[in-house]
């Protein structure tokens, strides 16, 4: 009976140990080479995490392959700066659209009240 319990505990331990997700960096190697912007589908940025102390910049190409960029390279810094500017411009455009819509609605409402 004792050996049966030991076998069950051993099997449970093996199951838990082999099914655990081992987190690690996604980019074991990076490149400094530029990637043509026409080939880029998406860019993923992973900040340092407890299991990976590196900033990771992964470019997903249109053919679904991935390229890990060196976050210190000139190309990567320029790409991240460009993305940051695009996000800022999109936020400002959204704000100006909201402000214009609100102003137009207020003006229309005020004009209706005067009639």
C-alpha atoms as a PDB file:
ATOM      1  CA  UNK A   1       0.000   0.000   0.000  1.00  0.00           C
ATOM      2  CA  UNK A   2       2.820   2.370   0.913  1.00  0.00           C
ATOM      3  CA  UNK A   3       4.523   1.932  -2.489  1.00  0.00           C
ATOM      4  CA  UNK A   4       1.241   2.622  -4.306  1.00  0.00           C
ATOM      5  CA  UNK A   5       0.927   5.978  -2.530  1.00  0.00           C
ATOM      6  CA  UNK A   6       4.555   6.788  -3.370  1.00  0.00           C
ATOM      7  CA  UNK A   7       3.893   6.010  -7.051  1.00  0.00           C
ATOM      8  CA  UNK A   8       0.809   8.235  -7.100  1.00  0.00           C
ATOM      9  CA  UNK A   9       2.705  11.105  -5.448  1.00  0.00           C
ATOM     10  CA  UNK A  10       5.618  10.631  -7.856  1.00  0.00           C
ATOM     11  CA  UNK A  11       3.300  10.662 -10.889  1.00  0.00           C
ATOM     12  CA  UNK A  12       1.544  13.781  -9.559  1.00  0.00           C
ATOM     13  CA  UNK A  13       4.899  15.541  -9.097  1.00  0.00           C
ATOM     14  CA  UNK A  14       6.035  14.597 -12.597  1.00  0.00           C
ATOM     15  CA  UNK A  15       2.756  15.854 -14.073  1.00  0.00           C
ATOM     16  CA  UNK A  16       2.979  19.192 -12.255  1.00  0.00           C
ATOM     17  CA  UNK A  17       6.654  19.720 -13.099  1.00  0.00           C
ATOM     18  CA  UNK A  18       6.297  18.934 -16.794  1.00  0.00           C
ATOM     19  CA  UNK A  19       3.102  20.918 -17.304  1.00  0.00           C
ATOM     20  CA  UNK A  20       4.386  24.107 -15.655  1.00  0.00           C
ATOM     21  CA  UNK A  21       5.023  26.936 -18.088  1.00  0.00           C
ATOM     22  CA  UNK A  22       8.619  28.035 -17.877  1.00  0.00           C
ATOM     23  CA  UNK A  23       8.720  31.707 -18.748  1.00  0.00           C
ATOM     24  CA  UNK A  24      11.853  33.039 -20.414  1.00  0.00           C
ATOM     25  CA  UNK A  25      12.979  35.710 -22.811  1.00  0.00           C
ATOM     26  CA  UNK A  26      11.450  35.392 -26.258  1.00  0.00           C
ATOM     27  CA  UNK A  27      14.547  36.700 -28.004  1.00  0.00           C
ATOM     28  CA  UNK A  28      17.641  34.608 -27.374  1.00  0.00           C
ATOM     29  CA  UNK A  29      19.335  36.479 -30.236  1.00  0.00           C
ATOM     30  CA  UNK A  30      18.743  39.934 -31.688  1.00  0.00           C
ATOM     31  CA  UNK A  31      19.790  41.692 -34.857  1.00  0.00           C
ATOM     32  CA  UNK A  32      20.992  45.232 -35.541  1.00  0.00           C
ATOM     33  CA  UNK A  33      19.964  45.023 -39.199  1.00  0.00           C
ATOM     34  CA  UNK A  34      17.114  47.277 -40.339  1.00  0.00           C
ATOM     35  CA  UNK A  35      13.861  45.707 -41.535  1.00  0.00           C
ATOM     36  CA  UNK A  36      12.026  47.178 -44.533  1.00  0.00           C
ATOM     37  CA  UNK A  37       8.957  48.996 -43.295  1.00  0.00           C
ATOM     38  CA  UNK A  38       6.910  47.545 -46.165  1.00  0.00           C
ATOM     39  CA  UNK A  39       7.482  44.063 -44.697  1.00  0.00           C
ATOM     40  CA  UNK A  40       6.407  44.946 -41.140  1.00  0.00           C
ATOM     41  CA  UNK A  41       2.947  43.809 -40.059  1.00  0.00           C
ATOM     42  CA  UNK A  42       3.212  44.546 -36.323  1.00  0.00           C
ATOM     43  CA  UNK A  43       5.694  45.429 -33.596  1.00  0.00           C
ATOM     44  CA  UNK A  44       5.526  43.989 -30.086  1.00  0.00           C
ATOM     45  CA  UNK A  45       7.419  45.510 -27.202  1.00  0.00           C
ATOM     46  CA  UNK A  46       8.010  43.557 -24.024  1.00  0.00           C
ATOM     47  CA  UNK A  47       9.314  45.477 -21.048  1.00  0.00           C
ATOM     48  CA  UNK A  48      11.714  43.685 -18.669  1.00  0.00           C
ATOM     49  CA  UNK A  49       9.928  41.075 -16.567  1.00  0.00           C
ATOM     50  CA  UNK A  50      10.898  38.960 -13.562  1.00  0.00           C
ATOM     51  CA  UNK A  51      11.930  36.074 -15.836  1.00  0.00           C
ATOM     52  CA  UNK A  52      13.540  38.257 -18.534  1.00  0.00           C
ATOM     53  CA  UNK A  53      15.598  41.290 -17.618  1.00  0.00           C
ATOM     54  CA  UNK A  54      15.831  42.593 -21.190  1.00  0.00           C
ATOM     55  CA  UNK A  55      13.635  44.954 -23.166  1.00  0.00           C
ATOM     56  CA  UNK A  56      12.474  42.929 -26.163  1.00  0.00           C
ATOM     57  CA  UNK A  57      11.362  44.398 -29.489  1.00  0.00           C
ATOM     58  CA  UNK A  58       9.852  41.841 -31.832  1.00  0.00           C
ATOM     59  CA  UNK A  59       8.841  42.720 -35.382  1.00  0.00           C
ATOM     60  CA  UNK A  60       6.188  40.488 -36.921  1.00  0.00           C
ATOM     61  CA  UNK A  61       6.556  40.430 -40.671  1.00  0.00           C
ATOM     62  CA  UNK A  62       3.761  40.079 -43.207  1.00  0.00           C
ATOM     63  CA  UNK A  63       4.837  36.467 -43.852  1.00  0.00           C
ATOM     64  CA  UNK A  64       4.172  35.801 -40.106  1.00  0.00           C
ATOM     65  CA  UNK A  65       7.847  35.337 -39.234  1.00  0.00           C
ATOM     66  CA  UNK A  66       9.355  37.205 -36.302  1.00  0.00           C
ATOM     67  CA  UNK A  67      12.555  39.199 -36.020  1.00  0.00           C
ATOM     68  CA  UNK A  68      13.997  40.178 -32.657  1.00  0.00           C
ATOM     69  CA  UNK A  69      15.603  43.601 -32.840  1.00  0.00           C
ATOM     70  CA  UNK A  70      18.416  44.850 -30.648  1.00  0.00           C
ATOM     71  CA  UNK A  71      16.739  47.566 -28.523  1.00  0.00           C
ATOM     72  CA  UNK A  72      20.001  49.540 -28.507  1.00  0.00           C
ATOM     73  CA  UNK A  73      20.434  49.704 -32.307  1.00  0.00           C
ATOM     74  CA  UNK A  74      19.841  52.949 -34.201  1.00  0.00           C
ATOM     75  CA  UNK A  75      17.131  51.343 -36.336  1.00  0.00           C
ATOM     76  CA  UNK A  76      15.172  50.047 -33.333  1.00  0.00           C
ATOM     77  CA  UNK A  77      15.408  53.369 -31.502  1.00  0.00           C
ATOM     78  CA  UNK A  78      14.184  55.194 -34.620  1.00  0.00           C
ATOM     79  CA  UNK A  79      11.347  52.660 -35.068  1.00  0.00           C
ATOM     80  CA  UNK A  80      10.215  53.039 -31.439  1.00  0.00           C
ATOM     81  CA  UNK A  81      10.419  56.840 -31.692  1.00  0.00           C
ATOM     82  CA  UNK A  82       8.323  56.750 -34.879  1.00  0.00           C
ATOM     83  CA  UNK A  83       5.725  54.524 -33.193  1.00  0.00           C
ATOM     84  CA  UNK A  84       5.581  56.856 -30.187  1.00  0.00           C
ATOM     85  CA  UNK A  85       4.997  59.862 -32.472  1.00  0.00           C
ATOM     86  CA  UNK A  86       2.247  57.996 -34.350  1.00  0.00           C
ATOM     87  CA  UNK A  87       0.456  57.144 -31.099  1.00  0.00           C
ATOM     88  CA  UNK A  88       0.729  60.745 -29.917  1.00  0.00           C
ATOM     89  CA  UNK A  89      -0.635  62.071 -33.228  1.00  0.00           C
ATOM     90  CA  UNK A  90      -3.507  59.562 -33.110  1.00  0.00           C
ATOM     91  CA  UNK A  91      -4.378  60.634 -29.553  1.00  0.00           C
ATOM     92  CA  UNK A  92      -4.299  64.309 -30.528  1.00  0.00           C
ATOM     93  CA  UNK A  93      -6.470  63.653 -33.581  1.00  0.00           C
ATOM     94  CA  UNK A  94      -8.967  61.797 -31.414  1.00  0.00           C
ATOM     95  CA  UNK A  95      -8.979  64.660 -28.895  1.00  0.00           C
ATOM     96  CA  UNK A  96      -9.480  67.300 -31.569  1.00  0.00           C
ATOM     97  CA  UNK A  97     -12.319  65.277 -33.124  1.00  0.00           C
ATOM     98  CA  UNK A  98     -13.998  64.950 -29.732  1.00  0.00           C
ATOM     99  CA  UNK A  99     -13.523  68.659 -29.006  1.00  0.00           C
ATOM    100  CA  UNK A 100     -14.843  69.652 -32.445  1.00  0.00           C
ATOM    101  CA  UNK A 101     -17.872  67.374 -32.069  1.00  0.00           C
ATOM    102  CA  UNK A 102     -18.597  68.701 -28.577  1.00  0.00           C
ATOM    103  CA  UNK A 103     -18.196  72.316 -29.727  1.00  0.00           C
ATOM    104  CA  UNK A 104     -20.429  71.728 -32.747  1.00  0.00           C
ATOM    105  CA  UNK A 105     -23.091  70.090 -30.583  1.00  0.00           C
ATOM    106  CA  UNK A 106     -22.934  72.965 -28.079  1.00  0.00           C
ATOM    107  CA  UNK A 107     -23.158  75.558 -30.884  1.00  0.00           C
ATOM    108  CA  UNK A 108     -26.093  73.729 -32.471  1.00  0.00           C
ATOM    109  CA  UNK A 109     -27.817  73.432 -29.105  1.00  0.00           C
ATOM    110  CA  UNK A 110     -27.277  77.142 -28.363  1.00  0.00           C
ATOM    111  CA  UNK A 111     -28.577  78.134 -31.821  1.00  0.00           C
ATOM    112  CA  UNK A 112     -31.680  75.992 -31.327  1.00  0.00           C
ATOM    113  CA  UNK A 113     -32.348  77.592 -27.937  1.00  0.00           C
ATOM    114  CA  UNK A 114     -32.256  81.082 -29.465  1.00  0.00           C
ATOM    115  CA  UNK A 115     -34.910  80.201 -32.053  1.00  0.00           C
END
